[in-house]
Amino acid sequence: MTKSELITKLSATHPDLKTDDLEKLVNTVFEEITGALVEGGRVELRGFGAFSVRARAARKGRNPRTGTAVSVPAKRVPFFKCGKELRARINK
């Protein structure tokens, strides 16, 4: 599901709300999650899952085209851990 599909589905289930307002709402939620992760925080949505940031150490990689060794710098990557209720619904 894309963001636009999510907004369309929300507008179908809530016809009393304007599509522009729903788009602002969805964008605000995503921006807040992103902002918390940028600051190194954790976002937990009970029953759905938790977003966090994990650190990856620097390492030596390989260019698949030429086979030469390249250094890959350390970086932070987003991580999502599925919640218990979501996992149970998926595995019904």
N, C-alpha and C. Protein backbone atom coordinates (compact mmCIF):
# COMPACT_ATOMS: atom_id res chain seq x y z
N MET A 1 0.85 -1.17 0.00
CA MET A 1 0.00 0.00 0.00
C MET A 1 0.89 1.23 0.00
N THR A 2 0.59 2.14 -0.88
CA THR A 2 1.33 3.40 -0.93
C THR A 2 0.63 4.44 -0.06
N LYS A 3 1.32 5.56 0.13
CA LYS A 3 0.74 6.62 0.96
C LYS A 3 -0.55 7.15 0.34
N SER A 4 -0.58 7.30 -0.97
CA SER A 4 -1.79 7.81 -1.62
C SER A 4 -2.93 6.79 -1.50
N GLU A 5 -2.63 5.51 -1.56
CA GLU A 5 -3.66 4.49 -1.36
C GLU A 5 -4.20 4.52 0.06
N LEU A 6 -3.31 4.76 1.03
CA LEU A 6 -3.74 4.88 2.42
C LEU A 6 -4.68 6.07 2.59
N ILE A 7 -4.34 7.19 2.00
CA ILE A 7 -5.19 8.38 2.09
C ILE A 7 -6.54 8.14 1.42
N THR A 8 -6.54 7.48 0.28
CA THR A 8 -7.79 7.15 -0.42
C THR A 8 -8.67 6.24 0.43
N LYS A 9 -8.05 5.24 1.05
CA LYS A 9 -8.81 4.31 1.90
C LYS A 9 -9.38 5.02 3.12
N LEU A 10 -8.59 5.91 3.72
CA LEU A 10 -9.08 6.67 4.87
C LEU A 10 -10.23 7.59 4.47
N SER A 11 -10.14 8.20 3.30
CA SER A 11 -11.22 9.09 2.88
C SER A 11 -12.49 8.30 2.56
N ALA A 12 -12.34 7.05 2.14
CA ALA A 12 -13.52 6.21 1.88
C ALA A 12 -14.18 5.79 3.19
N THR A 13 -13.38 5.54 4.22
CA THR A 13 -13.96 5.11 5.51
C THR A 13 -14.43 6.29 6.35
N HIS A 14 -13.91 7.49 6.06
CA HIS A 14 -14.30 8.70 6.80
C HIS A 14 -14.71 9.78 5.80
N PRO A 15 -15.89 9.65 5.19
CA PRO A 15 -16.30 10.62 4.16
C PRO A 15 -16.54 12.02 4.71
N ASP A 16 -16.67 12.17 6.02
CA ASP A 16 -16.90 13.48 6.60
C ASP A 16 -15.63 14.33 6.66
N LEU A 17 -14.46 13.70 6.46
CA LEU A 17 -13.19 14.42 6.48
C LEU A 17 -12.72 14.72 5.07
N LYS A 18 -12.11 15.89 4.88
CA LYS A 18 -11.60 16.27 3.56
C LYS A 18 -10.32 15.49 3.26
N THR A 19 -10.11 15.20 2.00
CA THR A 19 -8.92 14.46 1.57
C THR A 19 -7.65 15.24 1.88
N ASP A 20 -7.70 16.56 1.73
CA ASP A 20 -6.54 17.39 2.02
C ASP A 20 -6.16 17.30 3.50
N ASP A 21 -7.18 17.27 4.38
CA ASP A 21 -6.93 17.16 5.82
C ASP A 21 -6.33 15.80 6.15
N LEU A 22 -6.84 14.76 5.50
CA LEU A 22 -6.30 13.41 5.75
C LEU A 22 -4.85 13.31 5.26
N GLU A 23 -4.57 13.95 4.15
CA GLU A 23 -3.20 13.94 3.63
C GLU A 23 -2.25 14.65 4.59
N LYS A 24 -2.69 15.78 5.13
CA LYS A 24 -1.88 16.50 6.12
C LYS A 24 -1.67 15.65 7.37
N LEU A 25 -2.71 14.93 7.79
CA LEU A 25 -2.62 14.08 8.97
C LEU A 25 -1.60 12.95 8.75
N VAL A 26 -1.70 12.27 7.64
CA VAL A 26 -0.78 11.16 7.34
C VAL A 26 0.65 11.69 7.23
N ASN A 27 0.83 12.81 6.54
CA ASN A 27 2.17 13.39 6.42
C ASN A 27 2.74 13.80 7.77
N THR A 28 1.89 14.34 8.65
CA THR A 28 2.34 14.74 9.98
C THR A 28 2.78 13.54 10.79
N VAL A 29 2.03 12.46 10.73
CA VAL A 29 2.40 11.24 11.47
C VAL A 29 3.75 10.73 11.00
N PHE A 30 3.95 10.66 9.68
CA PHE A 30 5.22 10.18 9.14
C PHE A 30 6.37 11.12 9.49
N GLU A 31 6.12 12.43 9.46
CA GLU A 31 7.16 13.39 9.81
C GLU A 31 7.56 13.27 11.28
N GLU A 32 6.59 13.04 12.15
CA GLU A 32 6.90 12.89 13.57
C GLU A 32 7.70 11.61 13.84
N ILE A 33 7.35 10.53 13.17
CA ILE A 33 8.11 9.29 13.31
C ILE A 33 9.53 9.51 12.81
N THR A 34 9.67 10.14 11.65
CA THR A 34 10.98 10.41 11.07
C THR A 34 11.80 11.31 11.99
N GLY A 35 11.18 12.35 12.52
CA GLY A 35 11.87 13.27 13.42
C GLY A 35 12.39 12.59 14.67
N ALA A 36 11.59 11.71 15.24
CA ALA A 36 12.02 10.99 16.43
C ALA A 36 13.19 10.07 16.12
N LEU A 37 13.16 9.43 14.96
CA LEU A 37 14.26 8.53 14.58
C LEU A 37 15.54 9.31 14.28
N VAL A 38 15.41 10.49 13.67
CA VAL A 38 16.58 11.31 13.38
C VAL A 38 17.26 11.71 14.68
N GLU A 39 16.49 11.97 15.72
CA GLU A 39 17.05 12.34 17.02
C GLU A 39 17.57 11.14 17.79
N GLY A 40 17.45 9.94 17.22
CA GLY A 40 17.95 8.74 17.87
C GLY A 40 16.94 8.09 18.80
N GLY A 41 15.71 8.54 18.74
CA GLY A 41 14.67 8.00 19.61
C GLY A 41 14.04 6.73 19.07
N ARG A 42 13.02 6.30 19.76
CA ARG A 42 12.29 5.09 19.41
C ARG A 42 10.81 5.43 19.38
N VAL A 43 10.10 4.89 18.40
CA VAL A 43 8.66 5.14 18.28
C VAL A 43 7.96 3.80 18.42
N GLU A 44 7.12 3.68 19.43
CA GLU A 44 6.40 2.43 19.66
C GLU A 44 4.91 2.65 19.47
N LEU A 45 4.32 1.86 18.60
CA LEU A 45 2.88 1.90 18.36
C LEU A 45 2.33 0.57 18.88
N ARG A 46 1.73 0.60 20.04
CA ARG A 46 1.26 -0.63 20.70
C ARG A 46 0.37 -1.44 19.78
N GLY A 47 0.65 -2.72 19.69
CA GLY A 47 -0.13 -3.60 18.85
C GLY A 47 0.32 -3.63 17.40
N PHE A 48 1.14 -2.66 17.00
CA PHE A 48 1.63 -2.61 15.62
C PHE A 48 3.11 -2.94 15.55
N GLY A 49 3.93 -2.19 16.29
CA GLY A 49 5.36 -2.45 16.28
C GLY A 49 6.14 -1.25 16.76
N ALA A 50 7.46 -1.36 16.65
CA ALA A 50 8.34 -0.29 17.12
C ALA A 50 9.38 0.04 16.06
N PHE A 51 9.59 1.33 15.87
CA PHE A 51 10.62 1.83 14.97
C PHE A 51 11.79 2.29 15.83
N SER A 52 13.00 1.95 15.41
CA SER A 52 14.19 2.41 16.12
C SER A 52 15.32 2.59 15.11
N VAL A 53 16.46 3.04 15.61
CA VAL A 53 17.63 3.25 14.76
C VAL A 53 18.74 2.35 15.28
N ARG A 54 19.40 1.65 14.37
CA ARG A 54 20.52 0.80 14.73
C ARG A 54 21.78 1.31 14.04
N ALA A 55 22.91 1.14 14.71
CA ALA A 55 24.19 1.58 14.16
C ALA A 55 24.84 0.42 13.42
N ARG A 56 25.36 0.71 12.26
CA ARG A 56 26.14 -0.27 11.49
C ARG A 56 27.59 0.19 11.50
N ALA A 57 28.50 -0.71 11.83
CA ALA A 57 29.92 -0.38 11.88
C ALA A 57 30.49 -0.24 10.48
N ALA A 58 31.61 0.47 10.39
CA ALA A 58 32.31 0.57 9.11
C ALA A 58 32.85 -0.82 8.75
N ARG A 59 32.92 -1.07 7.45
CA ARG A 59 33.38 -2.39 7.01
C ARG A 59 33.99 -2.28 5.63
N LYS A 60 34.62 -3.37 5.23
CA LYS A 60 35.17 -3.45 3.88
C LYS A 60 34.16 -4.17 3.01
N GLY A 61 33.80 -3.57 1.89
CA GLY A 61 32.87 -4.17 0.95
C GLY A 61 33.59 -4.49 -0.35
N ARG A 62 32.84 -4.95 -1.33
CA ARG A 62 33.43 -5.31 -2.61
C ARG A 62 32.56 -4.75 -3.72
N ASN A 63 33.16 -4.11 -4.67
CA ASN A 63 32.45 -3.63 -5.84
C ASN A 63 32.10 -4.85 -6.70
N PRO A 64 30.81 -5.16 -6.89
CA PRO A 64 30.46 -6.38 -7.63
C PRO A 64 30.86 -6.35 -9.11
N ARG A 65 30.99 -5.17 -9.68
CA ARG A 65 31.35 -5.07 -11.09
C ARG A 65 32.84 -5.32 -11.31
N THR A 66 33.68 -4.67 -10.47
CA THR A 66 35.12 -4.77 -10.69
C THR A 66 35.80 -5.74 -9.73
N GLY A 67 35.17 -6.03 -8.61
CA GLY A 67 35.77 -6.93 -7.63
C GLY A 67 36.75 -6.26 -6.69
N THR A 68 36.94 -4.95 -6.84
CA THR A 68 37.88 -4.25 -5.97
C THR A 68 37.25 -3.99 -4.60
N ALA A 69 38.11 -3.93 -3.59
CA ALA A 69 37.64 -3.67 -2.23
C ALA A 69 37.34 -2.19 -2.06
N VAL A 70 36.23 -1.88 -1.39
CA VAL A 70 35.87 -0.51 -1.08
C VAL A 70 35.52 -0.43 0.39
N SER A 71 35.76 0.72 0.98
CA SER A 71 35.40 0.89 2.38
C SER A 71 33.99 1.46 2.48
N VAL A 72 33.18 0.84 3.31
CA VAL A 72 31.81 1.30 3.54
C VAL A 72 31.81 1.99 4.91
N PRO A 73 31.44 3.26 4.96
CA PRO A 73 31.50 3.99 6.23
C PRO A 73 30.42 3.52 7.22
N ALA A 74 30.64 3.83 8.48
CA ALA A 74 29.64 3.53 9.52
C ALA A 74 28.40 4.36 9.24
N LYS A 75 27.25 3.81 9.58
CA LYS A 75 26.01 4.54 9.35
C LYS A 75 24.93 4.07 10.31
N ARG A 76 23.87 4.87 10.38
CA ARG A 76 22.70 4.50 11.18
C ARG A 76 21.59 4.14 10.22
N VAL A 77 20.86 3.06 10.53
CA VAL A 77 19.79 2.59 9.65
C VAL A 77 18.51 2.42 10.46
N PRO A 78 17.35 2.69 9.84
CA PRO A 78 16.08 2.48 10.54
C PRO A 78 15.80 0.98 10.67
N PHE A 79 15.11 0.62 11.76
CA PHE A 79 14.77 -0.77 12.02
C PHE A 79 13.34 -0.83 12.53
N PHE A 80 12.58 -1.82 12.08
CA PHE A 80 11.21 -2.01 12.53
C PHE A 80 11.06 -3.38 13.13
N LYS A 81 10.50 -3.45 14.33
CA LYS A 81 10.22 -4.72 14.97
C LYS A 81 8.71 -4.85 15.09
N CYS A 82 8.19 -5.89 14.50
CA CYS A 82 6.74 -6.14 14.47
C CYS A 82 6.22 -6.39 15.89
N GLY A 83 5.03 -5.88 16.18
CA GLY A 83 4.41 -6.09 17.47
C GLY A 83 3.73 -7.45 17.56
N LYS A 84 3.48 -7.88 18.77
CA LYS A 84 2.90 -9.20 19.02
C LYS A 84 1.52 -9.36 18.37
N GLU A 85 0.67 -8.35 18.50
CA GLU A 85 -0.69 -8.43 17.95
C GLU A 85 -0.67 -8.45 16.43
N LEU A 86 0.19 -7.65 15.80
CA LEU A 86 0.29 -7.65 14.35
C LEU A 86 0.80 -9.00 13.84
N ARG A 87 1.81 -9.53 14.50
CA ARG A 87 2.35 -10.83 14.12
C ARG A 87 1.28 -11.92 14.22
N ALA A 88 0.46 -11.85 15.26
CA ALA A 88 -0.61 -12.84 15.44
C ALA A 88 -1.66 -12.72 14.34
N ARG A 89 -2.00 -11.49 13.94
CA ARG A 89 -2.99 -11.30 12.87
C ARG A 89 -2.47 -11.76 11.52
N ILE A 90 -1.19 -11.56 11.28
CA ILE A 90 -0.58 -11.99 10.02
C ILE A 90 -0.53 -13.51 9.93
N ASN A 91 -0.25 -14.16 11.04
CA ASN A 91 -0.06 -15.61 11.05
C ASN A 91 -1.31 -16.39 11.40
N LYS A 92 -2.49 -15.83 11.16
CA LYS A 92 -3.74 -16.54 11.44
C LYS A 92 -3.88 -17.74 10.58
